[in-house]
Amino acid sequence: MSVTFIDALDHVAIAADDTLSMVKWYQRMLGLEIVAQTEPQEPSGQRTYLIGPPCNDGVRHGMMLEVMPRNEHVRRPRDSHDPGISHVAWRVENFDAAYAHLSAAGVGFVGAVVQAVGGGRLISFVDCEGNLMQIVERARG
């Protein structure tokens, strides 16, 4: 007997050098908004933020991103196929418009537009602190 209890992916967390700067970057680049935030935390004095797509109909749709202060450990360089989480993919309704917006904003793309596993198009890019992200457009069906 199998039990199904997963509804959706709620959030992915990124430990950031500067949480507010990262939140502002995601607001500008992907149109995400602050859903919740903590009071400043010790020892960094920074807040943890939960950000996500705009909530226009009273219901929160889509995955959110938790931006939290990083610890004192040194960030290690990583390749996209190193063990662990490789990237975060954001689904977009209009790939061409999202790509044009990110291009005009000077986002650093990694590679070219490719076919996504399972169908659709995607392209990879890095955020303001070098985390690997993607935008992906899936066929409606």
N, C-alpha and C. Protein backbone atom coordinates (compact mmCIF):
# COMPACT_ATOMS: atom_id res chain seq x y z
N MET A 1 0.84 -1.17 0.00
CA MET A 1 0.00 0.00 0.00
C MET A 1 0.88 1.24 0.00
N SER A 2 0.64 2.14 -0.92
CA SER A 2 1.43 3.37 -0.95
C SER A 2 0.59 4.53 -0.43
N VAL A 3 1.26 5.45 0.20
CA VAL A 3 0.62 6.63 0.75
C VAL A 3 1.09 7.84 -0.04
N THR A 4 0.15 8.61 -0.54
CA THR A 4 0.48 9.83 -1.26
C THR A 4 0.12 11.01 -0.39
N PHE A 5 1.12 11.79 -0.01
CA PHE A 5 0.86 12.93 0.85
C PHE A 5 1.51 14.21 0.35
N ILE A 6 2.28 14.13 -0.72
CA ILE A 6 2.95 15.31 -1.25
C ILE A 6 1.99 16.06 -2.15
N ASP A 7 1.82 17.34 -1.89
CA ASP A 7 0.95 18.19 -2.70
C ASP A 7 1.77 18.96 -3.73
N ALA A 8 2.90 19.53 -3.31
CA ALA A 8 3.75 20.32 -4.19
C ALA A 8 5.05 20.60 -3.48
N LEU A 9 6.04 21.07 -4.20
CA LEU A 9 7.28 21.54 -3.60
C LEU A 9 7.01 22.91 -2.99
N ASP A 10 7.21 23.07 -1.70
CA ASP A 10 6.89 24.31 -1.00
C ASP A 10 7.99 25.36 -1.18
N HIS A 11 9.22 25.00 -0.83
CA HIS A 11 10.31 25.97 -0.98
C HIS A 11 11.65 25.27 -1.04
N VAL A 12 12.63 26.00 -1.55
CA VAL A 12 14.03 25.62 -1.56
C VAL A 12 14.73 26.73 -0.79
N ALA A 13 15.74 26.39 0.02
CA ALA A 13 16.44 27.38 0.81
C ALA A 13 17.85 27.62 0.27
N ILE A 14 18.25 28.88 0.27
CA ILE A 14 19.60 29.27 -0.11
C ILE A 14 20.20 30.08 1.03
N ALA A 15 21.39 29.70 1.47
CA ALA A 15 22.11 30.48 2.47
C ALA A 15 22.92 31.53 1.72
N ALA A 16 22.63 32.80 2.02
CA ALA A 16 23.18 33.91 1.24
C ALA A 16 24.17 34.75 2.04
N ASP A 17 25.10 35.37 1.33
CA ASP A 17 26.02 36.33 1.94
C ASP A 17 25.25 37.55 2.43
N ASP A 18 24.31 38.04 1.61
CA ASP A 18 23.53 39.24 1.92
C ASP A 18 22.08 38.94 1.57
N THR A 19 21.28 38.60 2.58
CA THR A 19 19.91 38.15 2.32
C THR A 19 19.05 39.22 1.67
N LEU A 20 19.13 40.46 2.14
CA LEU A 20 18.29 41.51 1.56
C LEU A 20 18.66 41.80 0.11
N SER A 21 19.95 41.83 -0.19
CA SER A 21 20.37 42.04 -1.58
C SER A 21 19.87 40.93 -2.49
N MET A 22 19.93 39.69 -1.99
CA MET A 22 19.45 38.56 -2.79
C MET A 22 17.94 38.66 -3.00
N VAL A 23 17.19 39.02 -1.97
CA VAL A 23 15.74 39.17 -2.11
C VAL A 23 15.43 40.24 -3.15
N LYS A 24 16.11 41.37 -3.09
CA LYS A 24 15.88 42.44 -4.06
C LYS A 24 16.21 41.97 -5.48
N TRP A 25 17.25 41.16 -5.63
CA TRP A 25 17.63 40.64 -6.95
C TRP A 25 16.50 39.77 -7.50
N TYR A 26 15.96 38.87 -6.67
CA TYR A 26 14.87 38.00 -7.12
C TYR A 26 13.58 38.77 -7.37
N GLN A 27 13.36 39.82 -6.63
CA GLN A 27 12.20 40.68 -6.91
C GLN A 27 12.34 41.31 -8.30
N ARG A 28 13.51 41.83 -8.59
CA ARG A 28 13.76 42.51 -9.86
C ARG A 28 13.80 41.54 -11.04
N MET A 29 14.44 40.39 -10.86
CA MET A 29 14.65 39.46 -11.98
C MET A 29 13.46 38.54 -12.23
N LEU A 30 12.83 38.04 -11.17
CA LEU A 30 11.77 37.05 -11.34
C LEU A 30 10.41 37.53 -10.83
N GLY A 31 10.34 38.74 -10.32
CA GLY A 31 9.07 39.27 -9.86
C GLY A 31 8.55 38.64 -8.58
N LEU A 32 9.44 38.01 -7.80
CA LEU A 32 9.01 37.39 -6.55
C LEU A 32 8.74 38.46 -5.51
N GLU A 33 7.87 38.13 -4.55
CA GLU A 33 7.54 39.08 -3.48
C GLU A 33 7.80 38.43 -2.13
N ILE A 34 7.99 39.27 -1.11
CA ILE A 34 8.22 38.76 0.23
C ILE A 34 6.91 38.21 0.78
N VAL A 35 6.94 36.95 1.20
CA VAL A 35 5.79 36.27 1.79
C VAL A 35 5.87 36.39 3.32
N ALA A 36 7.07 36.23 3.86
CA ALA A 36 7.28 36.31 5.31
C ALA A 36 8.75 36.63 5.56
N GLN A 37 9.03 37.14 6.75
CA GLN A 37 10.40 37.42 7.13
C GLN A 37 10.53 37.35 8.64
N THR A 38 11.75 37.07 9.10
CA THR A 38 12.03 37.03 10.52
C THR A 38 12.56 38.38 10.98
N GLU A 39 12.71 38.52 12.26
CA GLU A 39 13.45 39.64 12.82
C GLU A 39 14.94 39.39 12.51
N PRO A 40 15.79 40.42 12.57
CA PRO A 40 17.23 40.19 12.37
C PRO A 40 17.75 39.11 13.32
N GLN A 41 18.63 38.26 12.78
CA GLN A 41 19.14 37.12 13.52
C GLN A 41 20.61 37.31 13.85
N GLU A 42 21.02 36.78 14.98
CA GLU A 42 22.44 36.80 15.37
C GLU A 42 23.13 35.61 14.72
N PRO A 43 24.38 35.65 14.39
CA PRO A 43 25.28 36.76 14.61
C PRO A 43 25.33 37.75 13.45
N SER A 44 24.65 37.46 12.35
CA SER A 44 24.79 38.27 11.13
C SER A 44 24.00 39.57 11.17
N GLY A 45 22.93 39.60 11.95
CA GLY A 45 22.05 40.77 11.95
C GLY A 45 21.13 40.81 10.74
N GLN A 46 21.13 39.73 9.95
CA GLN A 46 20.29 39.66 8.76
C GLN A 46 18.99 38.91 9.06
N ARG A 47 18.01 39.15 8.22
CA ARG A 47 16.73 38.45 8.31
C ARG A 47 16.74 37.22 7.40
N THR A 48 15.86 36.27 7.70
CA THR A 48 15.53 35.19 6.79
C THR A 48 14.23 35.58 6.11
N TYR A 49 14.17 35.40 4.79
CA TYR A 49 13.00 35.77 4.00
C TYR A 49 12.44 34.54 3.31
N LEU A 50 11.13 34.52 3.17
CA LEU A 50 10.45 33.57 2.31
C LEU A 50 9.84 34.39 1.19
N ILE A 51 10.25 34.11 -0.05
CA ILE A 51 9.76 34.87 -1.20
C ILE A 51 9.12 33.93 -2.20
N GLY A 52 8.15 34.45 -2.96
CA GLY A 52 7.46 33.61 -3.93
C GLY A 52 6.74 34.42 -4.97
N PRO A 53 6.08 33.75 -5.90
CA PRO A 53 5.32 34.44 -6.95
C PRO A 53 4.22 35.30 -6.33
N PRO A 54 3.82 36.35 -7.02
CA PRO A 54 2.73 37.20 -6.50
C PRO A 54 1.46 36.40 -6.24
N CYS A 55 0.73 36.81 -5.23
CA CYS A 55 -0.52 36.17 -4.82
C CYS A 55 -1.66 37.08 -5.25
N ASN A 56 -2.23 36.83 -6.43
CA ASN A 56 -3.25 37.72 -6.98
C ASN A 56 -4.67 37.33 -6.65
N ASP A 57 -4.91 36.07 -6.34
CA ASP A 57 -6.28 35.60 -6.13
C ASP A 57 -6.53 35.10 -4.71
N GLY A 58 -5.66 35.51 -3.79
CA GLY A 58 -5.81 35.08 -2.41
C GLY A 58 -5.22 33.72 -2.11
N VAL A 59 -4.70 33.04 -3.13
CA VAL A 59 -4.10 31.72 -2.97
C VAL A 59 -2.66 31.79 -3.47
N ARG A 60 -1.73 31.27 -2.69
CA ARG A 60 -0.33 31.27 -3.09
C ARG A 60 -0.10 30.13 -4.07
N HIS A 61 0.40 30.44 -5.25
CA HIS A 61 0.69 29.44 -6.29
C HIS A 61 2.20 29.39 -6.51
N GLY A 62 2.72 28.21 -6.73
CA GLY A 62 4.11 28.06 -7.11
C GLY A 62 5.06 27.91 -5.93
N MET A 63 6.25 27.50 -6.25
CA MET A 63 7.29 27.25 -5.28
C MET A 63 7.83 28.56 -4.72
N MET A 64 8.28 28.51 -3.48
CA MET A 64 8.88 29.68 -2.85
C MET A 64 10.37 29.42 -2.61
N LEU A 65 11.08 30.49 -2.30
CA LEU A 65 12.50 30.43 -2.02
C LEU A 65 12.74 31.03 -0.64
N GLU A 66 13.41 30.28 0.22
CA GLU A 66 13.82 30.80 1.52
C GLU A 66 15.24 31.32 1.39
N VAL A 67 15.45 32.57 1.74
CA VAL A 67 16.78 33.19 1.68
C VAL A 67 17.20 33.43 3.12
N MET A 68 18.22 32.70 3.56
CA MET A 68 18.64 32.76 4.95
C MET A 68 20.11 33.14 5.04
N PRO A 69 20.54 33.72 6.17
CA PRO A 69 21.95 34.08 6.30
C PRO A 69 22.85 32.85 6.30
N ARG A 70 23.95 32.96 5.62
CA ARG A 70 24.91 31.85 5.58
C ARG A 70 25.72 31.80 6.86
N ASN A 71 26.35 30.66 7.07
CA ASN A 71 27.23 30.54 8.23
C ASN A 71 28.65 30.98 7.84
N GLU A 72 29.62 30.71 8.70
CA GLU A 72 30.99 31.18 8.48
C GLU A 72 31.81 30.29 7.55
N HIS A 73 31.27 29.17 7.12
CA HIS A 73 32.04 28.26 6.26
C HIS A 73 32.30 28.88 4.90
N VAL A 74 33.42 28.50 4.29
CA VAL A 74 33.79 29.01 2.98
C VAL A 74 32.95 28.30 1.91
N ARG A 75 32.43 29.09 0.97
CA ARG A 75 31.67 28.51 -0.14
C ARG A 75 32.64 27.76 -1.05
N ARG A 76 32.32 26.51 -1.32
CA ARG A 76 33.16 25.70 -2.20
C ARG A 76 32.65 25.79 -3.63
N PRO A 77 33.56 25.91 -4.59
CA PRO A 77 33.10 25.90 -5.99
C PRO A 77 32.48 24.55 -6.30
N ARG A 78 31.47 24.55 -7.17
CA ARG A 78 30.85 23.28 -7.53
C ARG A 78 30.49 23.27 -9.01
N ASP A 79 30.45 22.09 -9.54
CA ASP A 79 30.04 21.87 -10.92
C ASP A 79 28.58 21.42 -10.90
N SER A 80 27.87 21.62 -12.00
CA SER A 80 26.44 21.30 -12.02
C SER A 80 26.14 19.83 -11.76
N HIS A 81 27.11 18.94 -11.95
CA HIS A 81 26.85 17.52 -11.72
C HIS A 81 27.52 16.99 -10.46
N ASP A 82 27.98 17.89 -9.58
CA ASP A 82 28.48 17.46 -8.28
C ASP A 82 27.31 16.89 -7.47
N PRO A 83 27.59 16.00 -6.52
CA PRO A 83 26.51 15.46 -5.70
C PRO A 83 25.75 16.56 -4.96
N GLY A 84 24.48 16.34 -4.77
CA GLY A 84 23.64 17.30 -4.08
C GLY A 84 22.76 18.07 -5.04
N ILE A 85 22.05 19.04 -4.51
CA ILE A 85 21.15 19.83 -5.36
C ILE A 85 21.98 20.62 -6.35
N SER A 86 21.63 20.53 -7.61
CA SER A 86 22.37 21.17 -8.68
C SER A 86 21.86 22.57 -9.00
N HIS A 87 20.54 22.71 -9.14
CA HIS A 87 19.97 23.99 -9.55
C HIS A 87 18.50 24.05 -9.14
N VAL A 88 17.93 25.22 -9.27
CA VAL A 88 16.50 25.42 -9.05
C VAL A 88 15.92 25.87 -10.39
N ALA A 89 14.86 25.24 -10.84
CA ALA A 89 14.22 25.59 -12.11
C ALA A 89 12.88 26.27 -11.83
N TRP A 90 12.73 27.46 -12.39
CA TRP A 90 11.50 28.25 -12.24
C TRP A 90 10.66 28.10 -13.49
N ARG A 91 9.43 27.62 -13.35
CA ARG A 91 8.54 27.48 -14.50
C ARG A 91 7.98 28.84 -14.89
N VAL A 92 8.04 29.14 -16.18
CA VAL A 92 7.51 30.40 -16.70
C VAL A 92 6.43 30.10 -17.74
N GLU A 93 5.47 31.00 -17.85
CA GLU A 93 4.39 30.83 -18.84
C GLU A 93 4.84 31.24 -20.22
N ASN A 94 5.68 32.27 -20.32
CA ASN A 94 6.13 32.78 -21.61
C ASN A 94 7.65 32.81 -21.60
N PHE A 95 8.26 31.78 -22.14
CA PHE A 95 9.72 31.63 -22.13
C PHE A 95 10.39 32.81 -22.82
N ASP A 96 9.90 33.18 -24.00
CA ASP A 96 10.54 34.24 -24.76
C ASP A 96 10.53 35.56 -23.99
N ALA A 97 9.43 35.90 -23.34
CA ALA A 97 9.35 37.14 -22.56
C ALA A 97 10.27 37.08 -21.35
N ALA A 98 10.30 35.94 -20.65
CA ALA A 98 11.17 35.79 -19.48
C ALA A 98 12.64 35.87 -19.89
N TYR A 99 12.98 35.21 -20.98
CA TYR A 99 14.37 35.23 -21.48
C TYR A 99 14.77 36.66 -21.86
N ALA A 100 13.89 37.38 -22.55
CA ALA A 100 14.18 38.76 -22.96
C ALA A 100 14.37 39.65 -21.73
N HIS A 101 13.51 39.49 -20.72
CA HIS A 101 13.63 40.29 -19.50
C HIS A 101 14.96 40.03 -18.81
N LEU A 102 15.32 38.77 -18.63
CA LEU A 102 16.58 38.43 -17.97
C LEU A 102 17.78 38.90 -18.79
N SER A 103 17.70 38.77 -20.11
CA SER A 103 18.78 39.24 -20.98
C SER A 103 18.98 40.74 -20.84
N ALA A 104 17.89 41.49 -20.89
CA ALA A 104 17.95 42.95 -20.79
C ALA A 104 18.49 43.39 -19.43
N ALA A 105 18.26 42.58 -18.40
CA ALA A 105 18.72 42.92 -17.06
C ALA A 105 20.17 42.50 -16.82
N GLY A 106 20.78 41.86 -17.81
CA GLY A 106 22.19 41.49 -17.72
C GLY A 106 22.49 40.22 -16.95
N VAL A 107 21.52 39.32 -16.86
CA VAL A 107 21.73 38.06 -16.15
C VAL A 107 22.81 37.25 -16.87
N GLY A 108 23.64 36.56 -16.10
CA GLY A 108 24.69 35.72 -16.68
C GLY A 108 24.17 34.34 -17.03
N PHE A 109 23.88 34.13 -18.31
CA PHE A 109 23.39 32.83 -18.76
C PHE A 109 24.52 31.83 -18.84
N VAL A 110 24.17 30.56 -18.63
CA VAL A 110 25.13 29.46 -18.71
C VAL A 110 24.66 28.56 -19.84
N GLY A 111 25.40 28.55 -20.94
CA GLY A 111 25.01 27.73 -22.08
C GLY A 111 23.92 28.39 -22.90
N ALA A 112 23.26 27.58 -23.71
CA ALA A 112 22.23 28.05 -24.63
C ALA A 112 20.88 27.47 -24.24
N VAL A 113 19.85 27.94 -24.91
CA VAL A 113 18.50 27.38 -24.73
C VAL A 113 18.53 25.94 -25.22
N VAL A 114 18.01 25.02 -24.41
CA VAL A 114 17.99 23.59 -24.76
C VAL A 114 16.61 23.02 -24.50
N GLN A 115 16.39 21.82 -25.03
CA GLN A 115 15.16 21.10 -24.74
C GLN A 115 15.23 20.54 -23.32
N ALA A 116 14.17 20.71 -22.57
CA ALA A 116 14.11 20.22 -21.20
C ALA A 116 13.75 18.74 -21.18
N VAL A 117 14.29 18.03 -20.23
CA VAL A 117 13.87 16.65 -20.02
C VAL A 117 12.37 16.67 -19.74
N GLY A 118 11.60 15.88 -20.44
CA GLY A 118 10.16 15.86 -20.27
C GLY A 118 9.43 16.84 -21.18
N GLY A 119 10.17 17.59 -22.00
CA GLY A 119 9.55 18.51 -22.95
C GLY A 119 9.64 19.96 -22.50
N GLY A 120 9.65 20.82 -23.48
CA GLY A 120 9.74 22.25 -23.21
C GLY A 120 11.14 22.79 -23.45
N ARG A 121 11.32 24.06 -23.14
CA ARG A 121 12.62 24.71 -23.32
C ARG A 121 13.12 25.21 -21.97
N LEU A 122 14.46 25.27 -21.85
CA LEU A 122 15.04 25.83 -20.64
C LEU A 122 16.37 26.48 -20.95
N ILE A 123 16.77 27.36 -20.04
CA ILE A 123 18.11 27.93 -20.06
C ILE A 123 18.55 28.14 -18.63
N SER A 124 19.84 27.94 -18.40
CA SER A 124 20.42 28.12 -17.07
C SER A 124 21.03 29.50 -16.93
N PHE A 125 21.05 30.00 -15.68
CA PHE A 125 21.69 31.28 -15.39
C PHE A 125 22.13 31.26 -13.94
N VAL A 126 22.93 32.25 -13.56
CA VAL A 126 23.37 32.35 -12.17
C VAL A 126 22.74 33.57 -11.53
N ASP A 127 22.42 33.43 -10.23
CA ASP A 127 21.86 34.57 -9.50
C ASP A 127 22.98 35.49 -9.03
N CYS A 128 22.64 36.46 -8.21
CA CYS A 128 23.60 37.47 -7.78
C CYS A 128 24.72 36.93 -6.90
N GLU A 129 24.59 35.71 -6.37
CA GLU A 129 25.66 35.12 -5.57
C GLU A 129 26.21 33.85 -6.21
N GLY A 130 25.88 33.60 -7.48
CA GLY A 130 26.46 32.48 -8.21
C GLY A 130 25.72 31.17 -8.11
N ASN A 131 24.50 31.16 -7.55
CA ASN A 131 23.71 29.93 -7.49
C ASN A 131 23.10 29.65 -8.86
N LEU A 132 23.14 28.39 -9.28
CA LEU A 132 22.64 28.01 -10.59
C LEU A 132 21.12 27.89 -10.58
N MET A 133 20.47 28.61 -11.51
CA MET A 133 19.02 28.63 -11.66
C MET A 133 18.68 28.31 -13.11
N GLN A 134 17.41 28.04 -13.36
CA GLN A 134 16.92 27.86 -14.72
C GLN A 134 15.54 28.47 -14.83
N ILE A 135 15.19 28.88 -16.04
CA ILE A 135 13.79 29.11 -16.37
C ILE A 135 13.40 28.00 -17.34
N VAL A 136 12.19 27.49 -17.17
CA VAL A 136 11.73 26.40 -18.01
C VAL A 136 10.27 26.65 -18.38
N GLU A 137 9.97 26.37 -19.63
CA GLU A 137 8.60 26.49 -20.12
C GLU A 137 8.14 25.09 -20.53
N ARG A 138 7.01 24.67 -19.99
CA ARG A 138 6.45 23.35 -20.31
C ARG A 138 5.21 23.52 -21.16
N ALA A 139 4.96 22.55 -22.03
CA ALA A 139 3.74 22.58 -22.82
C ALA A 139 2.54 22.38 -21.91
N ARG A 140 1.49 23.12 -22.16
CA ARG A 140 0.27 22.95 -21.37
C ARG A 140 -0.47 21.72 -21.86
N GLY A 141 -1.01 20.97 -20.93
CA GLY A 141 -1.69 19.78 -21.39
C GLY A 141 -2.56 19.15 -20.39
